[in-house]
Amino acid sequence: MGPGPGGRARTARAPAAPALRGRSVAHHRRRPACRAGPGTGTHPAGNRGSHQTRNIVTAKDLVMTTNTPTLVLVYQRTSLPWVFESAQRAGIGLVLIPRPDEAVSEDRLPPAVVDVLRLDIEADPAGALDALRRRHEENAFQGIATLYDPAVPFVAEAAELLGLPGIGRDAALGAQDKRVMRERLAAAGLHVPGFVRLDDTDDWTKAAHLAFPVVVKPAHGFSSLGVTKAESPQSLRSVVDEVRETCRSKLGRVDGLVVEEYLDGPEFAVESLAHAGDVQILTIGYKGDPQGPHFEEGVYRAPARLPEAVQEDIRREVTAAHKALGITDGPTHTELRLRGGVTPYLLEMGARIGGSGVSQYIASRVTGIDFAAQALRIAVGIAPESLSAGPLPTAVAAAANYIVPCGGSGRITAIHGLDELRDDPRVDHVVQMLFPGDVVRPYPDFTGYPAFVLSRHANTAEAEEFHQFLERAIRIDYAADDTDHRDEEQQA
């Protein structure tokens, strides 16, 4: 989960933040601090607004000592504040590698950022690794991390090269390549649907023997990009072709697919923290029951209302998956389905904090534990201040993310209902990525999510009621877009 390929986030009620692809809007409400877990530190009261609405902490302002650890943070959106604020609370300085298409003003840096390195890890990974090596030799840093799933293998390789803490390249491969992940989970005896890996998409007939419906996934996709349901063997080839084209146009490469049997049952997200092989499950949240064919994400509410026995089955399955994939240290974001409503089957496990930091918001609000601060401590080689491999922490509140659906396609002419939410006492953040004038193309061409609405509640039932209200309150108007028609005329 994340803002998506075209995502941008901007902070309302204040000057715009340094923006991805030019502009972004994220409103952050100030609230009293939530309770912190043992040794984790509190969220400062009255200091929960975005970095635009308070004094900016820059490299000149941040007092650094020889004992202050420094971490390289790769491709994090600067206008999503949560991980930057956690780093500040943890006393960790950040060297930011912004995304190549993100304009970052060095006189308006997010909290805890002490330096900026402009590297393109996707177009020139070898050059980026060499630049990091030289930077480390000149001014050593203690760790490297990312919340951006495609960057996980690069970060693991950089950590190995520089002798820094990390999960290792092999574990990163298992967490980022869905073909390898499925094979390793199956080899460990975990619950896995029938699946076939397609290293060559022309070999789609290898999957014809599976029980239909099936789901076709890019091996290296993210944010549900390209994930498509095929109802019958007769439709499989066209779906494989569709997903292959999505990979080519959105990811810039076609390097394999996974075809797996569709799992019925509701979807859940699990936020976890591992250290030295011990795994603490922080939260289990409800993600809806998407039926396909394209699995657009919609809600995230935690804690999930589940029987204790089912929660324990999820905890055991997720803990075992860490071992199967070799993830011994750091945060993970796991998505799974309860087949038949009872048996957990992992969809995927990411070796990162999920949703560009949304998982930090959810986990910290539900448990009072500063998830990202503890993850950053692990990344610089410091033991987390609180970790228990036992039962889930007691929930102190409920937290939720409503992912505004596109609800159509074309050129956006108006978005109704978001502005009114900025003064709603239940709402902490409105993160807007799409705006009037933007073009939303129909699936499978995934444009991105219009907005996130992050809120806190006394319990999950209230969060569910609030999401039902948002379904009625938010509406997007579209006009027909003739861009494709003009492109066709120009090509003719």
Protein backbone atom coordinates (compact mmCIF):
# COMPACT_ATOMS: atom_id res chain seq x y z
CA MET A 1 0.00 0.00 0.00
CA GLY A 2 1.25 3.48 -0.87
CA PRO A 3 0.30 6.60 -2.73
CA GLY A 4 0.92 4.71 -5.94
CA PRO A 5 2.87 5.33 -9.12
CA GLY A 6 1.51 8.82 -9.69
CA GLY A 7 1.07 9.72 -6.04
CA ARG A 8 1.77 13.18 -4.67
CA ALA A 9 1.02 14.51 -1.21
CA ARG A 10 0.59 18.16 -0.15
CA THR A 11 -0.14 19.79 3.21
CA ALA A 12 -3.20 22.00 3.46
CA ARG A 13 -3.46 25.14 5.59
CA ALA A 14 0.21 25.87 5.02
CA PRO A 15 2.61 26.53 2.17
CA ALA A 16 2.98 23.48 -0.04
CA ALA A 17 5.63 20.96 0.93
CA PRO A 18 8.44 20.01 -1.44
CA ALA A 19 6.29 18.02 -3.83
CA LEU A 20 6.59 14.83 -5.77
CA ARG A 21 6.00 15.67 -9.42
CA GLY A 22 5.36 19.27 -8.59
CA ARG A 23 2.54 19.42 -6.05
CA SER A 24 0.98 17.62 -3.14
CA VAL A 25 -1.51 18.15 -0.26
CA ALA A 26 -1.52 16.57 3.23
CA HIS A 27 -3.37 18.12 6.13
CA HIS A 28 -2.15 17.08 9.59
CA ARG A 29 -4.16 17.89 12.70
CA ARG A 30 -2.49 18.68 15.96
CA ARG A 31 -3.59 16.52 18.89
CA PRO A 32 -2.47 15.59 22.39
CA ALA A 33 0.15 12.89 22.56
CA CYS A 34 -0.83 9.24 22.54
CA ARG A 35 0.52 6.91 25.17
CA ALA A 36 3.96 5.55 24.37
CA GLY A 37 5.09 2.02 24.99
CA PRO A 38 7.87 1.31 27.49
CA GLY A 39 10.95 3.23 26.52
CA THR A 40 9.60 4.40 23.19
CA GLY A 41 9.03 8.08 24.00
CA THR A 42 5.83 10.00 23.55
CA HIS A 43 4.47 11.85 20.57
CA PRO A 44 4.93 15.44 21.75
CA ALA A 45 1.65 17.10 22.57
CA GLY A 46 0.75 19.84 20.15
CA ASN A 47 3.57 18.79 17.79
CA ARG A 48 1.76 16.36 15.55
CA GLY A 49 1.17 18.73 12.67
CA SER A 50 3.00 18.46 9.39
CA HIS A 51 6.49 19.82 9.08
CA GLN A 52 5.05 22.82 7.25
CA THR A 53 2.98 23.93 10.24
CA ARG A 54 5.77 24.24 12.78
CA ASN A 55 9.37 25.39 12.91
CA ILE A 56 11.33 23.49 10.31
CA VAL A 57 14.24 21.40 11.57
CA THR A 58 17.11 21.70 9.11
CA ALA A 59 20.67 20.44 9.07
CA LYS A 60 21.74 23.76 10.64
CA ASP A 61 19.15 23.52 13.42
CA LEU A 62 19.58 19.86 14.40
CA VAL A 63 22.20 19.52 17.12
CA MET A 64 24.40 16.56 16.18
CA THR A 65 27.05 14.95 18.37
CA THR A 66 29.61 12.27 17.76
CA ASN A 67 27.19 9.84 19.38
CA THR A 68 24.25 10.70 17.11
CA PRO A 69 23.62 7.85 14.65
CA THR A 70 22.93 8.72 11.02
CA LEU A 71 20.83 6.73 8.57
CA VAL A 72 20.45 7.00 4.80
CA LEU A 73 16.73 7.03 3.94
CA VAL A 74 16.02 6.01 0.35
CA TYR A 75 13.15 7.39 -1.75
CA GLN A 76 10.86 8.53 1.05
CA ARG A 77 8.21 11.11 0.15
CA THR A 78 9.12 14.27 2.04
CA SER A 79 5.51 15.39 2.44
CA LEU A 80 4.50 12.28 4.39
CA PRO A 81 5.82 13.22 7.82
CA TRP A 82 5.60 10.15 10.02
CA VAL A 83 9.01 8.51 9.58
CA PHE A 84 10.81 11.88 9.73
CA GLU A 85 9.10 12.73 13.01
CA SER A 86 9.95 9.29 14.42
CA ALA A 87 13.61 9.76 13.49
CA GLN A 88 13.60 13.09 15.30
CA ARG A 89 12.13 11.48 18.42
CA ALA A 90 14.67 8.64 18.24
CA GLY A 91 17.59 11.07 17.90
CA ILE A 92 18.64 9.71 14.50
CA GLY A 93 19.87 12.01 11.75
CA LEU A 94 18.68 11.25 8.21
CA VAL A 95 20.58 11.52 4.96
CA LEU A 96 17.75 11.65 2.44
CA ILE A 97 17.96 10.22 -1.07
CA PRO A 98 14.85 11.78 -2.66
CA ARG A 99 13.11 10.28 -5.65
CA PRO A 100 14.56 11.65 -8.89
CA ASP A 101 11.26 13.31 -9.83
CA GLU A 102 10.79 14.96 -6.42
CA ALA A 103 11.78 18.59 -5.92
CA VAL A 104 13.38 18.95 -2.47
CA SER A 105 14.36 22.36 -1.18
CA GLU A 106 17.34 22.07 1.13
CA ASP A 107 16.23 25.09 3.15
CA ARG A 108 12.89 23.40 3.96
CA LEU A 109 13.84 19.87 4.89
CA PRO A 110 11.61 17.53 6.94
CA PRO A 111 12.45 16.85 10.58
CA ALA A 112 15.77 15.08 11.29
CA VAL A 113 17.13 15.40 7.72
CA VAL A 114 20.77 16.53 7.93
CA ASP A 115 21.86 16.00 4.34
CA VAL A 116 20.49 15.24 0.88
CA LEU A 117 22.08 12.92 -1.69
CA ARG A 118 20.65 13.02 -5.18
CA LEU A 119 21.12 9.51 -6.57
CA ASP A 120 19.11 7.51 -9.08
CA ILE A 121 19.16 3.98 -7.71
CA GLU A 122 16.96 2.61 -10.50
CA ALA A 123 18.60 4.10 -13.59
CA ASP A 124 22.16 3.79 -12.24
CA PRO A 125 22.34 1.40 -9.26
CA ALA A 126 26.08 0.80 -9.66
CA GLY A 127 26.78 4.53 -9.66
CA ALA A 128 24.52 5.01 -6.63
CA LEU A 129 26.32 2.25 -4.72
CA ASP A 130 29.68 3.81 -5.55
CA ALA A 131 28.47 7.24 -4.41
CA LEU A 132 27.24 5.75 -1.12
CA ARG A 133 30.58 4.00 -0.61
CA ARG A 134 32.47 7.26 -1.10
CA ARG A 135 30.05 9.15 1.18
CA HIS A 136 30.48 6.47 3.85
CA GLU A 137 34.27 6.68 3.64
CA GLU A 138 34.21 10.47 3.94
CA ASN A 139 31.49 10.77 6.57
CA ALA A 140 30.35 7.43 7.94
CA PHE A 141 26.67 6.65 8.48
CA GLN A 142 25.38 3.80 10.60
CA GLY A 143 22.46 2.45 8.58
CA ILE A 144 20.36 2.55 5.43
CA ALA A 145 16.62 1.95 5.06
CA THR A 146 13.64 2.48 2.78
CA LEU A 147 9.84 2.44 2.90
CA TYR A 148 9.66 2.07 -0.89
CA ASP A 149 9.23 -1.59 -1.82
CA PRO A 150 11.14 -1.59 -5.15
CA ALA A 151 14.18 -0.15 -3.31
CA VAL A 152 14.40 -2.98 -0.75
CA PRO A 153 16.93 -5.06 -2.78
CA PHE A 154 19.14 -2.02 -3.40
CA VAL A 155 19.14 -1.12 0.29
CA ALA A 156 20.03 -4.70 1.24
CA GLU A 157 22.91 -4.72 -1.25
CA ALA A 158 24.20 -1.36 -0.04
CA ALA A 159 24.10 -2.52 3.58
CA GLU A 160 26.10 -5.65 2.71
CA LEU A 161 28.63 -3.65 0.69
CA LEU A 162 29.21 -1.18 3.51
CA GLY A 163 29.02 -3.62 6.43
CA LEU A 164 25.85 -2.06 7.84
CA PRO A 165 22.87 -3.75 9.54
CA GLY A 166 20.37 -5.21 7.09
CA ILE A 167 18.40 -8.25 6.05
CA GLY A 168 20.84 -9.34 3.32
CA ARG A 169 20.33 -9.62 -0.42
CA ASP A 170 18.90 -13.13 -0.29
CA ALA A 171 16.17 -12.19 2.20
CA ALA A 172 15.44 -9.05 0.19
CA LEU A 173 14.97 -11.19 -2.92
CA GLY A 174 12.44 -13.37 -1.11
CA ALA A 175 10.54 -10.34 0.20
CA GLN A 176 10.41 -8.49 -3.13
CA ASP A 177 10.08 -11.22 -5.78
CA LYS A 178 6.66 -12.85 -5.43
CA ARG A 179 7.82 -15.97 -7.28
CA VAL A 180 10.59 -16.62 -4.76
CA MET A 181 8.33 -15.69 -1.84
CA ARG A 182 5.71 -18.26 -2.83
CA GLU A 183 8.33 -20.98 -3.22
CA ARG A 184 9.93 -20.30 0.14
CA LEU A 185 6.64 -20.14 2.01
CA ALA A 186 5.55 -23.43 0.42
CA ALA A 187 8.88 -25.08 1.26
CA ALA A 188 8.40 -24.06 4.90
CA GLY A 189 5.02 -25.79 5.00
CA LEU A 190 2.99 -22.61 5.38
CA HIS A 191 -0.45 -22.04 3.89
CA VAL A 192 0.04 -21.31 0.20
CA PRO A 193 -2.51 -21.40 -2.63
CA GLY A 194 -1.77 -23.42 -5.74
CA PHE A 195 0.57 -21.31 -7.90
CA VAL A 196 2.77 -21.29 -10.98
CA ARG A 197 5.71 -19.00 -11.63
CA LEU A 198 5.95 -17.65 -15.15
CA ASP A 199 9.49 -16.54 -15.91
CA ASP A 200 8.42 -16.30 -19.55
CA THR A 201 4.92 -14.88 -19.90
CA ASP A 202 4.46 -16.82 -23.13
CA ASP A 203 4.34 -19.97 -20.97
CA TRP A 204 0.92 -19.04 -19.60
CA THR A 205 -0.46 -22.50 -20.41
CA LYS A 206 1.54 -23.86 -17.46
CA ALA A 207 -1.08 -22.27 -15.20
CA ALA A 208 -4.11 -23.72 -16.98
CA HIS A 209 -4.32 -26.67 -14.56
CA LEU A 210 -4.86 -24.47 -11.50
CA ALA A 211 -8.27 -24.23 -9.84
CA PHE A 212 -10.02 -21.15 -11.24
CA PRO A 213 -10.51 -18.29 -10.63
CA VAL A 214 -6.83 -17.34 -10.41
CA VAL A 215 -4.97 -14.09 -9.79
CA VAL A 216 -2.11 -12.93 -12.04
CA LYS A 217 0.55 -10.77 -10.35
CA PRO A 218 3.74 -9.05 -11.50
CA ALA A 219 6.73 -10.67 -9.79
CA HIS A 220 7.97 -7.24 -8.67
CA GLY A 221 4.75 -5.26 -8.45
CA PHE A 222 3.55 -3.08 -5.57
CA SER A 223 0.40 -1.18 -4.50
CA SER A 224 -1.79 -3.81 -6.24
CA LEU A 225 -0.27 -2.65 -9.53
CA GLY A 226 -1.27 -5.07 -12.28
CA VAL A 227 -2.86 -7.62 -9.92
CA THR A 228 -5.75 -9.04 -11.97
CA LYS A 229 -8.23 -11.89 -11.60
CA ALA A 230 -8.87 -14.41 -14.38
CA GLU A 231 -12.20 -16.18 -13.98
CA SER A 232 -11.57 -19.11 -16.34
CA PRO A 233 -8.85 -20.86 -18.34
CA GLN A 234 -10.33 -19.24 -21.46
CA SER A 235 -9.60 -15.75 -20.12
CA LEU A 236 -6.14 -16.54 -18.75
CA ARG A 237 -4.14 -15.62 -21.83
CA SER A 238 -5.79 -12.20 -22.22
CA VAL A 239 -5.25 -11.43 -18.52
CA VAL A 240 -1.58 -12.46 -18.72
CA ASP A 241 -1.17 -10.20 -21.76
CA GLU A 242 -2.87 -7.36 -19.90
CA VAL A 243 -0.63 -7.72 -16.83
CA ARG A 244 2.45 -8.01 -19.02
CA GLU A 245 1.56 -4.72 -20.72
CA THR A 246 0.98 -3.07 -17.35
CA CYS A 247 4.45 -4.19 -16.25
CA ARG A 248 5.97 -2.79 -19.41
CA SER A 249 4.22 0.57 -19.18
CA LYS A 250 4.30 1.15 -15.40
CA LEU A 251 7.39 -0.73 -14.19
CA GLY A 252 9.49 -0.38 -17.32
CA ARG A 253 10.21 -4.09 -17.45
CA VAL A 254 8.61 -7.51 -17.75
CA ASP A 255 10.57 -9.96 -15.65
CA GLY A 256 8.05 -12.60 -14.74
CA LEU A 257 4.64 -13.19 -13.23
CA VAL A 258 2.97 -15.35 -10.61
CA VAL A 259 -0.37 -17.05 -11.27
CA GLU A 260 -2.06 -18.30 -8.10
CA GLU A 261 -5.43 -19.64 -7.11
CA TYR A 262 -7.82 -16.97 -5.85
CA LEU A 263 -8.27 -16.91 -2.08
CA ASP A 264 -11.77 -16.23 -0.83
CA GLY A 265 -12.19 -14.45 2.48
CA PRO A 266 -11.48 -11.05 4.04
CA GLU A 267 -8.08 -9.38 3.80
CA PHE A 268 -5.94 -8.20 6.71
CA ALA A 269 -2.67 -6.31 7.20
CA VAL A 270 -0.17 -7.16 9.92
CA GLU A 271 2.52 -4.77 11.17
CA SER A 272 5.52 -6.47 12.76
CA LEU A 273 8.98 -5.75 14.09
CA ALA A 274 11.83 -8.28 14.14
CA HIS A 275 15.13 -8.16 16.00
CA ALA A 276 17.75 -10.91 16.20
CA GLY A 277 15.16 -13.40 14.97
CA ASP A 278 12.47 -12.50 17.51
CA VAL A 279 9.24 -11.18 15.99
CA GLN A 280 6.68 -8.94 17.66
CA ILE A 281 3.31 -8.61 15.96
CA LEU A 282 2.10 -5.09 16.73
CA THR A 283 -1.27 -4.86 15.00
CA ILE A 284 -3.68 -6.80 12.82
CA GLY A 285 -5.94 -4.59 10.72
CA TYR A 286 -8.93 -5.21 8.46
CA LYS A 287 -8.38 -4.39 4.76
CA GLY A 288 -11.80 -5.20 3.33
CA ASP A 289 -12.85 -8.07 1.08
CA PRO A 290 -11.90 -7.07 -2.49
CA GLN A 291 -13.32 -9.39 -5.12
CA GLY A 292 -11.38 -8.22 -8.16
CA PRO A 293 -10.80 -8.16 -10.99
CA HIS A 294 -8.28 -5.42 -10.10
CA PHE A 295 -8.28 -5.32 -6.26
CA GLU A 296 -8.31 -1.58 -5.65
CA GLU A 297 -7.47 -0.96 -2.00
CA GLY A 298 -10.16 0.72 0.06
CA VAL A 299 -9.91 0.61 3.86
CA TYR A 300 -7.53 -0.20 6.67
CA ARG A 301 -8.97 -0.40 10.20
CA ALA A 302 -7.13 -1.62 13.29
CA PRO A 303 -7.36 -3.44 15.54
CA ALA A 304 -9.31 -6.03 13.58
CA ARG A 305 -12.26 -7.60 15.34
CA LEU A 306 -11.22 -11.26 15.32
CA PRO A 307 -11.55 -14.17 17.76
CA GLU A 308 -8.44 -14.68 19.88
CA ALA A 309 -7.85 -18.11 18.32
CA VAL A 310 -7.77 -16.60 14.81
CA GLN A 311 -5.45 -13.81 15.96
CA GLU A 312 -3.11 -16.43 17.38
CA ASP A 313 -3.17 -18.39 14.10
CA ILE A 314 -2.25 -15.20 12.25
CA ARG A 315 0.54 -14.46 14.71
CA ARG A 316 2.02 -17.94 14.27
CA GLU A 317 1.75 -17.85 10.46
CA VAL A 318 3.33 -14.41 10.16
CA THR A 319 6.11 -15.29 12.61
CA ALA A 320 6.87 -18.46 10.66
CA ALA A 321 6.91 -16.49 7.41
CA HIS A 322 9.68 -14.26 8.78
CA LYS A 323 11.77 -17.38 9.36
CA ALA A 324 10.92 -18.86 5.97
CA LEU A 325 11.99 -15.66 4.19
CA GLY A 326 15.03 -15.05 6.40
CA ILE A 327 13.85 -11.69 7.75
CA THR A 328 15.44 -11.50 11.19
CA ASP A 329 15.69 -7.74 11.71
CA GLY A 330 13.55 -4.73 10.92
CA PRO A 331 9.93 -3.88 10.17
CA THR A 332 7.57 -5.87 7.99
CA HIS A 333 4.19 -5.19 6.43
CA THR A 334 2.22 -8.36 5.71
CA GLU A 335 -1.02 -8.73 3.80
CA LEU A 336 -3.03 -11.93 4.06
CA ARG A 337 -6.46 -13.42 3.56
CA LEU A 338 -8.45 -15.59 5.92
CA ARG A 339 -9.53 -18.39 3.62
CA GLY A 340 -13.04 -19.42 4.53
CA GLY A 341 -12.86 -16.66 7.13
CA VAL A 342 -10.55 -18.67 9.41
CA THR A 343 -7.27 -19.88 7.85
CA PRO A 344 -4.50 -17.32 7.22
CA TYR A 345 -2.83 -17.37 3.77
CA LEU A 346 -0.14 -14.80 3.16
CA LEU A 347 -0.52 -12.67 0.05
CA GLU A 348 2.83 -10.97 0.55
CA MET A 349 5.30 -9.75 3.15
CA GLY A 350 7.24 -6.54 2.59
CA ALA A 351 10.50 -5.95 4.45
CA ARG A 352 9.64 -2.33 5.24
CA ILE A 353 7.13 -0.06 6.96
CA GLY A 354 4.04 -0.13 4.74
CA GLY A 355 2.15 2.57 2.89
CA SER A 356 4.99 5.12 2.75
CA GLY A 357 4.56 5.46 6.51
CA VAL A 358 0.83 4.85 6.92
CA SER A 359 1.68 1.67 8.86
CA GLN A 360 3.57 3.84 11.37
CA TYR A 361 0.45 5.92 11.89
CA ILE A 362 -1.76 2.84 12.37
CA ALA A 363 0.58 0.90 14.65
CA SER A 364 1.55 3.85 16.83
CA ARG A 365 -2.03 5.03 17.32
CA VAL A 366 -3.32 1.56 18.15
CA THR A 367 -0.49 0.47 20.49
CA GLY A 368 1.19 3.69 21.64
CA ILE A 369 4.51 2.22 20.43
CA ASP A 370 6.56 4.32 18.03
CA PHE A 371 6.90 1.63 15.35
CA ALA A 372 9.10 3.66 12.99
CA ALA A 373 11.42 4.89 15.74
CA GLN A 374 12.10 1.30 16.80
CA ALA A 375 12.61 0.21 13.17
CA LEU A 376 15.12 3.02 12.62
CA ARG A 377 16.99 2.04 15.78
CA ILE A 378 17.35 -1.50 14.45
CA ALA A 379 18.54 -0.14 11.08
CA VAL A 380 21.46 1.69 12.74
CA GLY A 381 22.40 -1.31 14.90
CA ILE A 382 20.72 -0.29 18.15
CA ALA A 383 18.43 -2.73 19.92
CA PRO A 384 14.77 -1.67 20.07
CA GLU A 385 13.68 -0.36 23.43
CA SER A 386 10.61 -2.58 23.57
CA LEU A 387 10.13 -5.95 21.89
CA SER A 388 8.06 -8.93 22.96
CA ALA A 389 7.60 -12.08 20.90
CA GLY A 390 4.45 -12.93 22.84
CA PRO A 391 0.82 -11.86 22.38
CA LEU A 392 -0.19 -8.67 20.59
CA PRO A 393 0.15 -5.45 22.62
CA THR A 394 -3.05 -4.25 24.21
CA ALA A 395 -4.82 -1.76 21.96
CA VAL A 396 -5.21 1.71 23.46
CA ALA A 397 -7.32 3.10 20.59
CA ALA A 398 -8.43 2.37 17.04
CA ALA A 399 -6.90 3.90 13.90
CA ALA A 400 -8.01 3.85 10.30
CA ASN A 401 -7.09 4.80 6.76
CA TYR A 402 -9.81 5.41 4.19
CA ILE A 403 -8.38 5.16 0.68
CA VAL A 404 -10.62 7.30 -1.49
CA PRO A 405 -11.66 5.24 -4.53
CA CYS A 406 -11.30 6.65 -8.02
CA GLY A 407 -14.93 5.79 -8.71
CA GLY A 408 -14.54 6.39 -12.43
CA SER A 409 -12.08 7.60 -15.05
CA GLY A 410 -11.41 10.67 -17.16
CA ARG A 411 -10.17 14.16 -16.28
CA ILE A 412 -11.01 15.17 -12.70
CA THR A 413 -13.15 18.31 -12.58
CA ALA A 414 -13.92 18.39 -8.85
CA ILE A 415 -13.36 16.44 -5.66
CA HIS A 416 -16.14 16.93 -3.11
CA GLY A 417 -15.97 16.30 0.62
CA LEU A 418 -12.24 16.42 1.38
CA ASP A 419 -12.04 20.04 2.49
CA GLU A 420 -14.80 19.55 5.04
CA LEU A 421 -12.81 16.71 6.65
CA ARG A 422 -9.89 18.94 7.53
CA ASP A 423 -11.82 20.26 10.54
CA ASP A 424 -13.35 16.93 11.56
CA PRO A 425 -12.13 16.09 15.09
CA ARG A 426 -11.78 12.42 14.13
CA VAL A 427 -9.36 13.16 11.30
CA ASP A 428 -5.62 13.48 11.85
CA HIS A 429 -4.42 13.58 8.24
CA VAL A 430 -5.89 14.15 4.80
CA VAL A 431 -3.24 13.18 2.26
CA GLN A 432 -4.30 14.14 -1.25
CA MET A 433 -2.52 12.73 -4.32
CA LEU A 434 -4.89 13.52 -7.22
CA PHE A 435 -6.39 16.92 -8.06
CA PRO A 436 -8.74 18.64 -10.51
CA GLY A 437 -7.09 18.51 -13.91
CA ASP A 438 -5.44 15.14 -13.32
CA VAL A 439 -6.38 12.29 -15.63
CA VAL A 440 -7.48 8.96 -14.13
CA ARG A 441 -7.29 6.08 -16.55
CA PRO A 442 -9.39 2.94 -16.10
CA TYR A 443 -7.87 -0.20 -14.70
CA PRO A 444 -5.55 -1.95 -15.33
CA ASP A 445 -3.77 1.39 -15.94
CA PHE A 446 -3.32 2.25 -12.26
CA THR A 447 -3.13 6.05 -11.90
CA GLY A 448 -2.84 6.15 -8.11
CA TYR A 449 -5.15 6.82 -5.18
CA PRO A 450 -6.97 10.17 -4.96
CA ALA A 451 -6.46 10.59 -1.20
CA PHE A 452 -5.94 8.97 2.18
CA VAL A 453 -8.04 9.97 5.19
CA LEU A 454 -6.33 8.87 8.40
CA SER A 455 -8.37 8.98 11.57
CA ARG A 456 -8.42 7.83 15.18
CA HIS A 457 -11.35 6.42 17.12
CA ALA A 458 -12.25 4.95 20.48
CA ASN A 459 -12.85 1.55 18.91
CA THR A 460 -13.02 -0.23 15.56
CA ALA A 461 -16.81 -0.07 15.38
CA GLU A 462 -16.62 3.73 15.38
CA ALA A 463 -13.96 3.59 12.65
CA GLU A 464 -16.23 1.42 10.51
CA GLU A 465 -19.13 3.83 11.01
CA PHE A 466 -16.88 6.73 10.01
CA HIS A 467 -15.83 4.96 6.81
CA GLN A 468 -19.47 4.40 5.92
CA PHE A 469 -19.95 8.16 6.31
CA LEU A 470 -16.95 8.85 4.05
CA GLU A 471 -18.38 6.60 1.34
CA ARG A 472 -21.34 8.98 1.16
CA ALA A 473 -19.46 12.23 1.75
CA ILE A 474 -16.65 12.03 -0.82
CA ARG A 475 -17.35 12.21 -4.54
CA ILE A 476 -15.17 12.78 -7.60
CA ASP A 477 -16.53 14.37 -10.78
CA TYR A 478 -15.01 13.57 -14.16
CA ALA A 479 -15.11 14.91 -17.68
CA ALA A 480 -14.19 12.91 -20.75
CA ASP A 481 -10.48 13.10 -21.56
CA ASP A 482 -9.39 13.28 -25.17
CA THR A 483 -5.66 12.82 -24.54
CA ASP A 484 -5.62 9.33 -26.01
CA HIS A 485 -7.55 10.53 -29.05
CA ARG A 486 -5.08 13.36 -29.66
CA ASP A 487 -2.17 10.96 -29.25
CA GLU A 488 -3.69 8.63 -31.83
CA GLU A 489 -4.14 11.54 -34.26
CA GLN A 490 -0.53 12.62 -33.79
CA GLN A 491 0.73 9.09 -34.35
CA ALA A 492 -1.39 8.85 -37.53
